[in-house]
Amino acid sequence: MLKKGVLLDAASLGHDIDLSELKETLGQLKIYDKTEPDQVIERIQGADVILTNKVIINASAIANADNLKLICVLATGVNNVDLEAASQAGIPVSNAVAYGTHSVAQHTLMLMLMLTTRQPLYQSAVADGEWNKSPFFCLMQHPVSELAGQHLVIVGSGELGRKVAQLAKAFEMKVSFSARPGNEADDGREPLAQLLPKADILSLHCPLTEATKNLIDAGLLSLAKPELMIINCARGGIVNEKDVLATLKAGKIGGYGTDVLTQEPPVNGNPLLDALQENLNLIITPHNAWISQHARQNIIDQTTRSIQTFTQTQ
């Protein structure tokens, strides 16, 4: 039975999360807002279960955990855990799945709507006083398009991709899913390189893997319509940021909206952030597509159920 747990980075989930059922499930839960790498081994001593969002649980931590029985990742991706070391030690690793489907899907549609209506450009014009000086009642120098009738190509046909497709169809969009990158021959759907020339909007909802790293690069972008809008609510590394920025500046795509960057937080800067000062149809949100209160609570609720299930099987 799991009697003692340690939550290493509670602050990363916000402070409006109800942990009462999780605490009841575990006899004892030690909660840390944040844990530095050199604090991990000390803090996990005696714990039956480690709960982590982004704190790295490496082979050394697993080897030095004196009572560990379960690792719970408070996210979908488990790349912060040495899975091989956990497997060798007989420690199962659980994660949260599809917890933020509605939150991320609505964020994706928000980015689509903002880009197709050229809101970054119009907001900049308003801030610069152009509306005040307009000879007419409105500004209309940037062409606005409607989602209805546009062709949305989605990379990633999991629950999130399917939810985005459902919402897009409510806007009367045509929706196509591309073949899975790296598995095009066996997928049965058109590969992205064939679909992209027909796409008005491209939305990414696939994991970052060797097959999807730098998937959207200069070569692929050369196939796109100059009006193409690209939405990335997946992972920063799927898009080659320098290539997409160069293509956007050259007017060879119509806009880029992203909730993710290759380094987060971008402590060393990022060329896309620098470009926000320019007159581009560009939106960057700070990896907050997932942060609705419901989605964050869902992570804790799923984790609690995972611990309960694990306990029942022991």
C-alpha atoms as a PDB file:
ATOM      1  CA  MET A   1       0.000   0.000   0.000  1.00  0.00           C
ATOM      2  CA  LEU A   2       1.219   3.499  -0.811  1.00  0.00           C
ATOM      3  CA  LYS A   3       1.435   5.469   2.410  1.00  0.00           C
ATOM      4  CA  LYS A   4       3.795   8.325   1.679  1.00  0.00           C
ATOM      5  CA  GLY A   5       4.011  10.604  -1.317  1.00  0.00           C
ATOM      6  CA  VAL A   6       6.063  13.625  -2.286  1.00  0.00           C
ATOM      7  CA  LEU A   7       4.909  16.289  -4.748  1.00  0.00           C
ATOM      8  CA  LEU A   8       8.025  18.037  -6.029  1.00  0.00           C
ATOM      9  CA  ASP A   9       6.697  21.011  -8.008  1.00  0.00           C
ATOM     10  CA  ALA A  10       3.178  21.861  -6.901  1.00  0.00           C
ATOM     11  CA  ALA A  11       3.482  25.519  -7.926  1.00  0.00           C
ATOM     12  CA  SER A  12       3.703  24.478 -11.576  1.00  0.00           C
ATOM     13  CA  LEU A  13       0.027  23.463 -11.359  1.00  0.00           C
ATOM     14  CA  GLY A  14      -1.153  26.671  -9.693  1.00  0.00           C
ATOM     15  CA  HIS A  15      -2.484  27.274  -6.207  1.00  0.00           C
ATOM     16  CA  ASP A  16      -6.205  26.828  -6.945  1.00  0.00           C
ATOM     17  CA  ILE A  17      -6.088  23.024  -7.155  1.00  0.00           C
ATOM     18  CA  ASP A  18      -7.976  20.799  -4.717  1.00  0.00           C
ATOM     19  CA  LEU A  19      -5.558  18.183  -3.344  1.00  0.00           C
ATOM     20  CA  SER A  20      -7.883  16.824  -0.658  1.00  0.00           C
ATOM     21  CA  GLU A  21      -8.696  13.477  -2.322  1.00  0.00           C
ATOM     22  CA  LEU A  22      -5.048  12.944  -3.217  1.00  0.00           C
ATOM     23  CA  LYS A  23      -4.091  13.569   0.402  1.00  0.00           C
ATOM     24  CA  GLU A  24      -6.790  11.151   1.593  1.00  0.00           C
ATOM     25  CA  THR A  25      -5.550   8.483  -0.822  1.00  0.00           C
ATOM     26  CA  LEU A  26      -2.036   8.755   0.560  1.00  0.00           C
ATOM     27  CA  GLY A  27      -1.427   8.529   4.262  1.00  0.00           C
ATOM     28  CA  GLN A  28       1.086  11.354   4.010  1.00  0.00           C
ATOM     29  CA  LEU A  29       1.806  13.844   1.232  1.00  0.00           C
ATOM     30  CA  LYS A  30       4.772  16.191   1.448  1.00  0.00           C
ATOM     31  CA  ILE A  31       4.308  19.145  -0.885  1.00  0.00           C
ATOM     32  CA  TYR A  32       7.068  21.329  -2.293  1.00  0.00           C
ATOM     33  CA  ASP A  33       6.281  24.300  -4.523  1.00  0.00           C
ATOM     34  CA  LYS A  34       9.559  23.904  -6.411  1.00  0.00           C
ATOM     35  CA  THR A  35      12.470  21.471  -6.323  1.00  0.00           C
ATOM     36  CA  GLU A  36      15.949  22.134  -7.678  1.00  0.00           C
ATOM     37  CA  PRO A  37      17.933  19.274  -9.266  1.00  0.00           C
ATOM     38  CA  ASP A  38      20.281  18.987  -6.293  1.00  0.00           C
ATOM     39  CA  GLN A  39      17.322  18.640  -3.896  1.00  0.00           C
ATOM     40  CA  VAL A  40      15.576  15.716  -5.595  1.00  0.00           C
ATOM     41  CA  ILE A  41      17.359  12.771  -3.970  1.00  0.00           C
ATOM     42  CA  GLU A  42      17.012  14.179  -0.463  1.00  0.00           C
ATOM     43  CA  ARG A  43      13.320  14.977  -0.872  1.00  0.00           C
ATOM     44  CA  ILE A  44      12.258  11.600  -2.273  1.00  0.00           C
ATOM     45  CA  GLN A  45      13.756   9.578   0.573  1.00  0.00           C
ATOM     46  CA  GLY A  46      11.150   7.364   2.218  1.00  0.00           C
ATOM     47  CA  ALA A  47       8.499   8.158  -0.375  1.00  0.00           C
ATOM     48  CA  ASP A  48       6.412   5.346  -1.857  1.00  0.00           C
ATOM     49  CA  VAL A  49       5.291   7.565  -4.732  1.00  0.00           C
ATOM     50  CA  ILE A  50       6.923  10.536  -6.440  1.00  0.00           C
ATOM     51  CA  LEU A  51       4.673  13.110  -8.090  1.00  0.00           C
ATOM     52  CA  THR A  52       6.376  15.403 -10.592  1.00  0.00           C
ATOM     53  CA  ASN A  53       5.303  17.725 -13.359  1.00  0.00           C
ATOM     54  CA  LYS A  54       8.613  18.857 -14.815  1.00  0.00           C
ATOM     55  CA  VAL A  55      11.214  17.946 -12.161  1.00  0.00           C
ATOM     56  CA  ILE A  56      13.643  15.434 -13.688  1.00  0.00           C
ATOM     57  CA  ILE A  57      13.720  11.984 -12.120  1.00  0.00           C
ATOM     58  CA  ASN A  58      16.940  10.517 -13.489  1.00  0.00           C
ATOM     59  CA  ALA A  59      18.611   7.142 -13.017  1.00  0.00           C
ATOM     60  CA  SER A  60      20.540   8.392 -10.002  1.00  0.00           C
ATOM     61  CA  ALA A  61      17.382   9.561  -8.252  1.00  0.00           C
ATOM     62  CA  ILE A  62      15.652   6.243  -8.932  1.00  0.00           C
ATOM     63  CA  ALA A  63      18.662   4.252  -7.706  1.00  0.00           C
ATOM     64  CA  ASN A  64      18.849   6.310  -4.520  1.00  0.00           C
ATOM     65  CA  ALA A  65      15.133   6.247  -3.683  1.00  0.00           C
ATOM     66  CA  ASP A  66      14.957   3.922  -0.707  1.00  0.00           C
ATOM     67  CA  ASN A  67      11.244   3.036  -0.761  1.00  0.00           C
ATOM     68  CA  LEU A  68       9.980   3.991  -4.213  1.00  0.00           C
ATOM     69  CA  LYS A  69       7.068   2.038  -5.702  1.00  0.00           C
ATOM     70  CA  LEU A  70       5.458   4.409  -8.224  1.00  0.00           C
ATOM     71  CA  ILE A  71       6.300   7.554 -10.203  1.00  0.00           C
ATOM     72  CA  CYS A  72       3.389   9.775 -11.263  1.00  0.00           C
ATOM     73  CA  VAL A  73       4.054  12.391 -13.935  1.00  0.00           C
ATOM     74  CA  LEU A  74       1.551  15.248 -13.722  1.00  0.00           C
ATOM     75  CA  ALA A  75       1.570  15.706 -17.488  1.00  0.00           C
ATOM     76  CA  THR A  76       1.230  13.640 -20.646  1.00  0.00           C
ATOM     77  CA  GLY A  77       4.896  13.645 -21.626  1.00  0.00           C
ATOM     78  CA  VAL A  78       7.166  11.453 -19.498  1.00  0.00           C
ATOM     79  CA  ASN A  79      10.482  12.620 -20.972  1.00  0.00           C
ATOM     80  CA  ASN A  80      11.532  13.984 -17.565  1.00  0.00           C
ATOM     81  CA  VAL A  81      11.753  10.426 -16.179  1.00  0.00           C
ATOM     82  CA  ASP A  82      14.482   7.921 -17.051  1.00  0.00           C
ATOM     83  CA  LEU A  83      12.067   5.237 -18.194  1.00  0.00           C
ATOM     84  CA  GLU A  84      14.769   2.614 -18.712  1.00  0.00           C
ATOM     85  CA  ALA A  85      16.074   3.048 -15.171  1.00  0.00           C
ATOM     86  CA  ALA A  86      12.535   2.925 -13.800  1.00  0.00           C
ATOM     87  CA  SER A  87      11.793  -0.241 -15.756  1.00  0.00           C
ATOM     88  CA  GLN A  88      14.972  -1.930 -14.555  1.00  0.00           C
ATOM     89  CA  ALA A  89      14.079  -1.051 -10.983  1.00  0.00           C
ATOM     90  CA  GLY A  90      10.541  -2.370 -11.465  1.00  0.00           C
ATOM     91  CA  ILE A  91       9.008   1.063 -10.860  1.00  0.00           C
ATOM     92  CA  PRO A  92       5.905   1.796 -12.975  1.00  0.00           C
ATOM     93  CA  VAL A  93       5.445   5.316 -14.373  1.00  0.00           C
ATOM     94  CA  SER A  94       1.953   6.763 -14.790  1.00  0.00           C
ATOM     95  CA  ASN A  95       0.971   9.960 -16.586  1.00  0.00           C
ATOM     96  CA  ALA A  96      -2.079  12.133 -17.225  1.00  0.00           C
ATOM     97  CA  VAL A  97      -3.731  11.872 -20.622  1.00  0.00           C
ATOM     98  CA  ALA A  98      -6.208  14.090 -22.477  1.00  0.00           C
ATOM     99  CA  TYR A  99      -6.618  16.214 -19.348  1.00  0.00           C
ATOM    100  CA  GLY A 100      -6.594  19.526 -21.213  1.00  0.00           C
ATOM    101  CA  THR A 101      -8.410  18.630 -24.421  1.00  0.00           C
ATOM    102  CA  HIS A 102     -11.047  21.359 -24.187  1.00  0.00           C
ATOM    103  CA  SER A 103      -8.603  23.977 -22.913  1.00  0.00           C
ATOM    104  CA  VAL A 104      -6.022  23.392 -25.662  1.00  0.00           C
ATOM    105  CA  ALA A 105      -8.636  22.986 -28.393  1.00  0.00           C
ATOM    106  CA  GLN A 106     -10.253  26.327 -27.601  1.00  0.00           C
ATOM    107  CA  HIS A 107      -6.831  27.973 -27.474  1.00  0.00           C
ATOM    108  CA  THR A 108      -6.088  26.524 -30.911  1.00  0.00           C
ATOM    109  CA  LEU A 109      -9.302  27.972 -32.331  1.00  0.00           C
ATOM    110  CA  MET A 110      -8.523  31.300 -30.678  1.00  0.00           C
ATOM    111  CA  LEU A 111      -5.186  31.431 -32.479  1.00  0.00           C
ATOM    112  CA  MET A 112      -6.852  30.524 -35.778  1.00  0.00           C
ATOM    113  CA  LEU A 113      -9.423  33.289 -35.368  1.00  0.00           C
ATOM    114  CA  MET A 114      -6.827  35.861 -34.308  1.00  0.00           C
ATOM    115  CA  LEU A 115      -4.603  35.102 -37.284  1.00  0.00           C
ATOM    116  CA  THR A 116      -7.322  34.923 -39.929  1.00  0.00           C
ATOM    117  CA  THR A 117      -8.729  38.253 -38.748  1.00  0.00           C
ATOM    118  CA  ARG A 118      -5.194  39.738 -38.582  1.00  0.00           C
ATOM    119  CA  GLN A 119      -5.663  40.842 -35.003  1.00  0.00           C
ATOM    120  CA  PRO A 120      -1.933  41.242 -34.223  1.00  0.00           C
ATOM    121  CA  LEU A 121      -1.688  43.741 -37.093  1.00  0.00           C
ATOM    122  CA  TYR A 122      -4.887  45.594 -36.222  1.00  0.00           C
ATOM    123  CA  GLN A 123      -4.046  45.777 -32.529  1.00  0.00           C
ATOM    124  CA  SER A 124      -0.676  47.247 -33.447  1.00  0.00           C
ATOM    125  CA  ALA A 125      -2.373  49.776 -35.729  1.00  0.00           C
ATOM    126  CA  VAL A 126      -4.779  50.820 -32.980  1.00  0.00           C
ATOM    127  CA  ALA A 127      -1.932  51.164 -30.475  1.00  0.00           C
ATOM    128  CA  ASP A 128      -0.048  53.333 -32.979  1.00  0.00           C
ATOM    129  CA  GLY A 129      -3.025  55.689 -33.321  1.00  0.00           C
ATOM    130  CA  GLU A 130      -3.907  54.771 -36.898  1.00  0.00           C
ATOM    131  CA  TRP A 131      -7.621  54.439 -36.100  1.00  0.00           C
ATOM    132  CA  ASN A 132      -7.649  57.925 -34.598  1.00  0.00           C
ATOM    133  CA  LYS A 133      -6.357  59.326 -37.891  1.00  0.00           C
ATOM    134  CA  SER A 134      -8.490  57.220 -40.219  1.00  0.00           C
ATOM    135  CA  PRO A 135     -10.641  59.159 -42.739  1.00  0.00           C
ATOM    136  CA  PHE A 136     -13.263  56.406 -42.364  1.00  0.00           C
ATOM    137  CA  PHE A 137     -14.999  54.717 -39.433  1.00  0.00           C
ATOM    138  CA  CYS A 138     -12.822  51.583 -39.622  1.00  0.00           C
ATOM    139  CA  LEU A 139      -9.417  50.231 -40.505  1.00  0.00           C
ATOM    140  CA  MET A 140      -9.289  47.658 -43.303  1.00  0.00           C
ATOM    141  CA  GLN A 141      -5.746  47.679 -44.671  1.00  0.00           C
ATOM    142  CA  HIS A 142      -5.108  44.043 -43.699  1.00  0.00           C
ATOM    143  CA  PRO A 143      -7.199  41.398 -45.524  1.00  0.00           C
ATOM    144  CA  VAL A 144      -9.476  39.380 -43.225  1.00  0.00           C
ATOM    145  CA  SER A 145     -10.630  35.876 -44.122  1.00  0.00           C
ATOM    146  CA  GLU A 146     -13.371  33.612 -42.781  1.00  0.00           C
ATOM    147  CA  LEU A 147     -12.808  30.114 -41.435  1.00  0.00           C
ATOM    148  CA  ALA A 148     -15.837  28.795 -43.312  1.00  0.00           C
ATOM    149  CA  GLY A 149     -14.730  26.923 -46.417  1.00  0.00           C
ATOM    150  CA  GLN A 150     -11.048  26.921 -45.508  1.00  0.00           C
ATOM    151  CA  HIS A 151      -9.058  23.687 -45.563  1.00  0.00           C
ATOM    152  CA  LEU A 152      -7.585  22.781 -42.174  1.00  0.00           C
ATOM    153  CA  VAL A 153      -4.841  20.170 -42.152  1.00  0.00           C
ATOM    154  CA  ILE A 154      -4.140  18.617 -38.755  1.00  0.00           C
ATOM    155  CA  VAL A 155      -0.996  16.704 -37.810  1.00  0.00           C
ATOM    156  CA  GLY A 156      -1.915  14.407 -34.938  1.00  0.00           C
ATOM    157  CA  SER A 157      -5.142  12.416 -34.878  1.00  0.00           C
ATOM    158  CA  GLY A 158      -5.354  11.763 -31.153  1.00  0.00           C
ATOM    159  CA  GLU A 159      -8.103  13.045 -28.884  1.00  0.00           C
ATOM    160  CA  LEU A 160      -6.888  16.638 -29.086  1.00  0.00           C
ATOM    161  CA  GLY A 161      -6.561  16.660 -32.862  1.00  0.00           C
ATOM    162  CA  ARG A 162     -10.037  15.164 -33.193  1.00  0.00           C
ATOM    163  CA  LYS A 163     -11.511  17.778 -30.834  1.00  0.00           C
ATOM    164  CA  VAL A 164      -9.963  20.579 -32.894  1.00  0.00           C
ATOM    165  CA  ALA A 165     -11.442  18.963 -36.005  1.00  0.00           C
ATOM    166  CA  GLN A 166     -14.881  18.900 -34.366  1.00  0.00           C
ATOM    167  CA  LEU A 167     -14.704  22.599 -33.499  1.00  0.00           C
ATOM    168  CA  ALA A 168     -13.377  23.467 -36.952  1.00  0.00           C
ATOM    169  CA  LYS A 169     -16.293  21.687 -38.612  1.00  0.00           C
ATOM    170  CA  ALA A 170     -18.657  23.825 -36.532  1.00  0.00           C
ATOM    171  CA  PHE A 171     -17.076  26.764 -38.383  1.00  0.00           C
ATOM    172  CA  GLU A 172     -17.795  24.919 -41.658  1.00  0.00           C
ATOM    173  CA  MET A 173     -14.165  24.183 -42.384  1.00  0.00           C
ATOM    174  CA  LYS A 174     -12.919  21.274 -44.451  1.00  0.00           C
ATOM    175  CA  VAL A 175     -10.667  19.072 -42.296  1.00  0.00           C
ATOM    176  CA  SER A 176      -7.956  16.587 -43.283  1.00  0.00           C
ATOM    177  CA  PHE A 177      -5.590  14.609 -41.070  1.00  0.00           C
ATOM    178  CA  SER A 178      -2.110  13.965 -42.401  1.00  0.00           C
ATOM    179  CA  ALA A 179      -0.383  10.617 -42.177  1.00  0.00           C
ATOM    180  CA  ARG A 180       1.634  10.103 -39.040  1.00  0.00           C
ATOM    181  CA  PRO A 181       5.142  11.539 -39.590  1.00  0.00           C
ATOM    182  CA  GLY A 182       7.661   8.719 -39.831  1.00  0.00           C
ATOM    183  CA  ASN A 183       4.952   6.162 -40.579  1.00  0.00           C
ATOM    184  CA  GLU A 184       3.536   7.509 -43.840  1.00  0.00           C
ATOM    185  CA  ALA A 185       3.886   4.243 -45.770  1.00  0.00           C
ATOM    186  CA  ASP A 186       1.613   2.297 -43.394  1.00  0.00           C
ATOM    187  CA  ASP A 187      -0.793   5.047 -42.371  1.00  0.00           C
ATOM    188  CA  GLY A 188      -3.205   5.107 -45.309  1.00  0.00           C
ATOM    189  CA  ARG A 189      -3.614   8.890 -45.227  1.00  0.00           C
ATOM    190  CA  GLU A 190      -1.890  11.492 -47.377  1.00  0.00           C
ATOM    191  CA  PRO A 191       1.518  12.568 -46.065  1.00  0.00           C
ATOM    192  CA  LEU A 192       1.896  16.152 -44.953  1.00  0.00           C
ATOM    193  CA  ALA A 193       4.050  17.049 -47.962  1.00  0.00           C
ATOM    194  CA  GLN A 194       1.135  16.189 -50.252  1.00  0.00           C
ATOM    195  CA  LEU A 195      -1.534  17.879 -48.142  1.00  0.00           C
ATOM    196  CA  LEU A 196       0.287  21.100 -47.343  1.00  0.00           C
ATOM    197  CA  PRO A 197      -0.037  22.718 -50.804  1.00  0.00           C
ATOM    198  CA  LYS A 198      -3.817  22.384 -50.408  1.00  0.00           C
ATOM    199  CA  ALA A 199      -3.961  23.692 -46.829  1.00  0.00           C
ATOM    200  CA  ASP A 200      -5.213  27.104 -45.742  1.00  0.00           C
ATOM    201  CA  ILE A 201      -4.453  26.414 -42.082  1.00  0.00           C
ATOM    202  CA  LEU A 202      -2.053  23.876 -40.554  1.00  0.00           C
ATOM    203  CA  SER A 203      -2.518  22.877 -36.907  1.00  0.00           C
ATOM    204  CA  LEU A 204       0.016  20.744 -35.023  1.00  0.00           C
ATOM    205  CA  HIS A 205      -1.101  18.300 -32.313  1.00  0.00           C
ATOM    206  CA  CYS A 206       1.561  15.595 -32.472  1.00  0.00           C
ATOM    207  CA  PRO A 207       4.288  14.644 -29.973  1.00  0.00           C
ATOM    208  CA  LEU A 208       7.884  15.748 -30.382  1.00  0.00           C
ATOM    209  CA  THR A 209       9.802  12.705 -31.624  1.00  0.00           C
ATOM    210  CA  GLU A 210      12.755  12.084 -33.900  1.00  0.00           C
ATOM    211  CA  ALA A 211      10.245  11.885 -36.768  1.00  0.00           C
ATOM    212  CA  THR A 212       8.608  15.237 -35.938  1.00  0.00           C
ATOM    213  CA  LYS A 213      11.633  17.275 -34.838  1.00  0.00           C
ATOM    214  CA  ASN A 214      11.949  20.237 -37.249  1.00  0.00           C
ATOM    215  CA  LEU A 215       9.043  18.766 -39.220  1.00  0.00           C
ATOM    216  CA  ILE A 216       8.033  22.251 -40.345  1.00  0.00           C
ATOM    217  CA  ASP A 217      11.203  23.498 -42.017  1.00  0.00           C
ATOM    218  CA  ALA A 218      12.156  25.586 -45.036  1.00  0.00           C
ATOM    219  CA  GLY A 219      11.751  22.656 -47.412  1.00  0.00           C
ATOM    220  CA  LEU A 220       8.215  21.866 -46.312  1.00  0.00           C
ATOM    221  CA  LEU A 221       7.254  25.536 -46.088  1.00  0.00           C
ATOM    222  CA  SER A 222       8.277  26.005 -49.717  1.00  0.00           C
ATOM    223  CA  LEU A 223       5.218  23.888 -50.625  1.00  0.00           C
ATOM    224  CA  ALA A 224       2.761  26.127 -48.787  1.00  0.00           C
ATOM    225  CA  LYS A 225       0.325  28.710 -50.086  1.00  0.00           C
ATOM    226  CA  PRO A 226       1.416  32.263 -49.270  1.00  0.00           C
ATOM    227  CA  GLU A 227      -1.826  32.611 -47.269  1.00  0.00           C
ATOM    228  CA  LEU A 228      -1.140  29.584 -45.047  1.00  0.00           C
ATOM    229  CA  MET A 229      -1.665  30.069 -41.305  1.00  0.00           C
ATOM    230  CA  ILE A 230       0.278  27.754 -38.996  1.00  0.00           C
ATOM    231  CA  ILE A 231      -0.832  26.955 -35.437  1.00  0.00           C
ATOM    232  CA  ASN A 232       1.486  25.157 -33.011  1.00  0.00           C
ATOM    233  CA  CYS A 233      -0.023  24.031 -29.710  1.00  0.00           C
ATOM    234  CA  ALA A 234       2.160  20.914 -29.596  1.00  0.00           C
ATOM    235  CA  ARG A 235       5.905  21.342 -28.948  1.00  0.00           C
ATOM    236  CA  GLY A 236       8.318  24.059 -30.032  1.00  0.00           C
ATOM    237  CA  GLY A 237      10.841  21.709 -31.596  1.00  0.00           C
ATOM    238  CA  ILE A 238       8.349  20.488 -34.202  1.00  0.00           C
ATOM    239  CA  VAL A 239       8.765  23.814 -35.978  1.00  0.00           C
ATOM    240  CA  ASN A 240      12.122  25.156 -37.101  1.00  0.00           C
ATOM    241  CA  GLU A 241      11.666  28.626 -35.640  1.00  0.00           C
ATOM    242  CA  LYS A 242      14.236  30.361 -37.831  1.00  0.00           C
ATOM    243  CA  ASP A 243      12.722  28.864 -40.984  1.00  0.00           C
ATOM    244  CA  VAL A 244       9.138  29.754 -40.119  1.00  0.00           C
ATOM    245  CA  LEU A 245      10.145  33.293 -39.162  1.00  0.00           C
ATOM    246  CA  ALA A 246      12.100  33.804 -42.389  1.00  0.00           C
ATOM    247  CA  THR A 247       9.163  32.474 -44.400  1.00  0.00           C
ATOM    248  CA  LEU A 248       6.717  34.740 -42.559  1.00  0.00           C
ATOM    249  CA  LYS A 249       8.937  37.807 -43.065  1.00  0.00           C
ATOM    250  CA  ALA A 250       9.234  37.004 -46.778  1.00  0.00           C
ATOM    251  CA  GLY A 251       5.432  36.914 -47.093  1.00  0.00           C
ATOM    252  CA  LYS A 252       5.455  33.268 -48.132  1.00  0.00           C
ATOM    253  CA  ILE A 253       3.027  32.290 -45.356  1.00  0.00           C
ATOM    254  CA  GLY A 254       0.206  34.353 -43.917  1.00  0.00           C
ATOM    255  CA  GLY A 255       0.705  33.945 -40.199  1.00  0.00           C
ATOM    256  CA  TYR A 256       2.124  31.914 -37.319  1.00  0.00           C
ATOM    257  CA  GLY A 257       0.538  31.378 -33.922  1.00  0.00           C
ATOM    258  CA  THR A 258       2.388  29.348 -31.316  1.00  0.00           C
ATOM    259  CA  ASP A 259       1.928  28.463 -27.665  1.00  0.00           C
ATOM    260  CA  VAL A 260       5.314  26.757 -27.453  1.00  0.00           C
ATOM    261  CA  LEU A 261       8.983  27.550 -28.059  1.00  0.00           C
ATOM    262  CA  THR A 262      12.030  25.321 -28.331  1.00  0.00           C
ATOM    263  CA  GLN A 263      13.291  26.537 -24.935  1.00  0.00           C
ATOM    264  CA  GLU A 264      10.848  27.274 -22.131  1.00  0.00           C
ATOM    265  CA  PRO A 265      11.065  29.629 -20.439  1.00  0.00           C
ATOM    266  CA  PRO A 266      13.050  31.428 -23.170  1.00  0.00           C
ATOM    267  CA  VAL A 267      15.791  32.594 -20.804  1.00  0.00           C
ATOM    268  CA  ASN A 268      18.235  32.978 -23.678  1.00  0.00           C
ATOM    269  CA  GLY A 269      15.795  34.883 -25.865  1.00  0.00           C
ATOM    270  CA  ASN A 270      14.223  33.704 -29.090  1.00  0.00           C
ATOM    271  CA  PRO A 271      14.100  35.172 -32.619  1.00  0.00           C
ATOM    272  CA  LEU A 272      10.305  34.849 -32.652  1.00  0.00           C
ATOM    273  CA  LEU A 273      10.039  36.990 -29.511  1.00  0.00           C
ATOM    274  CA  ASP A 274      12.263  39.606 -31.106  1.00  0.00           C
ATOM    275  CA  ALA A 275       9.997  39.624 -34.159  1.00  0.00           C
ATOM    276  CA  LEU A 276       6.956  40.629 -32.091  1.00  0.00           C
ATOM    277  CA  GLN A 277       8.147  44.201 -32.479  1.00  0.00           C
ATOM    278  CA  GLU A 278       7.806  43.936 -36.246  1.00  0.00           C
ATOM    279  CA  ASN A 279       4.688  44.313 -38.377  1.00  0.00           C
ATOM    280  CA  LEU A 280       3.949  40.594 -38.692  1.00  0.00           C
ATOM    281  CA  ASN A 281       0.875  38.409 -38.314  1.00  0.00           C
ATOM    282  CA  LEU A 282       2.519  36.608 -35.403  1.00  0.00           C
ATOM    283  CA  ILE A 283       1.135  35.488 -32.041  1.00  0.00           C
ATOM    284  CA  ILE A 284       3.123  33.915 -29.202  1.00  0.00           C
ATOM    285  CA  THR A 285       1.386  32.763 -26.035  1.00  0.00           C
ATOM    286  CA  PRO A 286       3.402  31.575 -22.999  1.00  0.00           C
ATOM    287  CA  HIS A 287       2.626  27.818 -23.069  1.00  0.00           C
ATOM    288  CA  ASN A 288      -0.690  28.469 -21.371  1.00  0.00           C
ATOM    289  CA  ALA A 289      -3.121  26.698 -23.700  1.00  0.00           C
ATOM    290  CA  TRP A 290      -3.491  23.958 -21.063  1.00  0.00           C
ATOM    291  CA  ILE A 291      -3.994  26.076 -17.946  1.00  0.00           C
ATOM    292  CA  SER A 292      -7.749  26.219 -17.457  1.00  0.00           C
ATOM    293  CA  GLN A 293      -8.592  25.381 -13.846  1.00  0.00           C
ATOM    294  CA  HIS A 294     -10.608  22.391 -15.004  1.00  0.00           C
ATOM    295  CA  ALA A 295      -7.669  20.965 -16.967  1.00  0.00           C
ATOM    296  CA  ARG A 296      -5.228  21.384 -14.084  1.00  0.00           C
ATOM    297  CA  GLN A 297      -7.653  19.805 -11.624  1.00  0.00           C
ATOM    298  CA  ASN A 298      -8.149  16.938 -14.060  1.00  0.00           C
ATOM    299  CA  ILE A 299      -4.422  16.159 -13.809  1.00  0.00           C
ATOM    300  CA  ILE A 300      -4.660  15.742 -10.042  1.00  0.00           C
ATOM    301  CA  ASP A 301      -7.873  13.732 -10.292  1.00  0.00           C
ATOM    302  CA  GLN A 302      -6.350  11.353 -12.865  1.00  0.00           C
ATOM    303  CA  THR A 303      -3.233  10.963 -10.740  1.00  0.00           C
ATOM    304  CA  THR A 304      -5.318  10.176  -7.676  1.00  0.00           C
ATOM    305  CA  ARG A 305      -7.167   7.459  -9.582  1.00  0.00           C
ATOM    306  CA  SER A 306      -3.866   6.023 -10.826  1.00  0.00           C
ATOM    307  CA  ILE A 307      -2.585   5.755  -7.262  1.00  0.00           C
ATOM    308  CA  GLN A 308      -5.847   4.178  -6.104  1.00  0.00           C
ATOM    309  CA  THR A 309      -5.723   1.621  -8.927  1.00  0.00           C
ATOM    310  CA  PHE A 310      -2.088   0.810  -8.217  1.00  0.00           C
ATOM    311  CA  THR A 311      -2.860   0.296  -4.532  1.00  0.00           C
ATOM    312  CA  GLN A 312      -5.760  -2.042  -5.320  1.00  0.00           C
ATOM    313  CA  THR A 313      -3.548  -4.264  -7.479  1.00  0.00           C
ATOM    314  CA  GLN A 314      -0.838  -4.725  -4.849  1.00  0.00           C
END
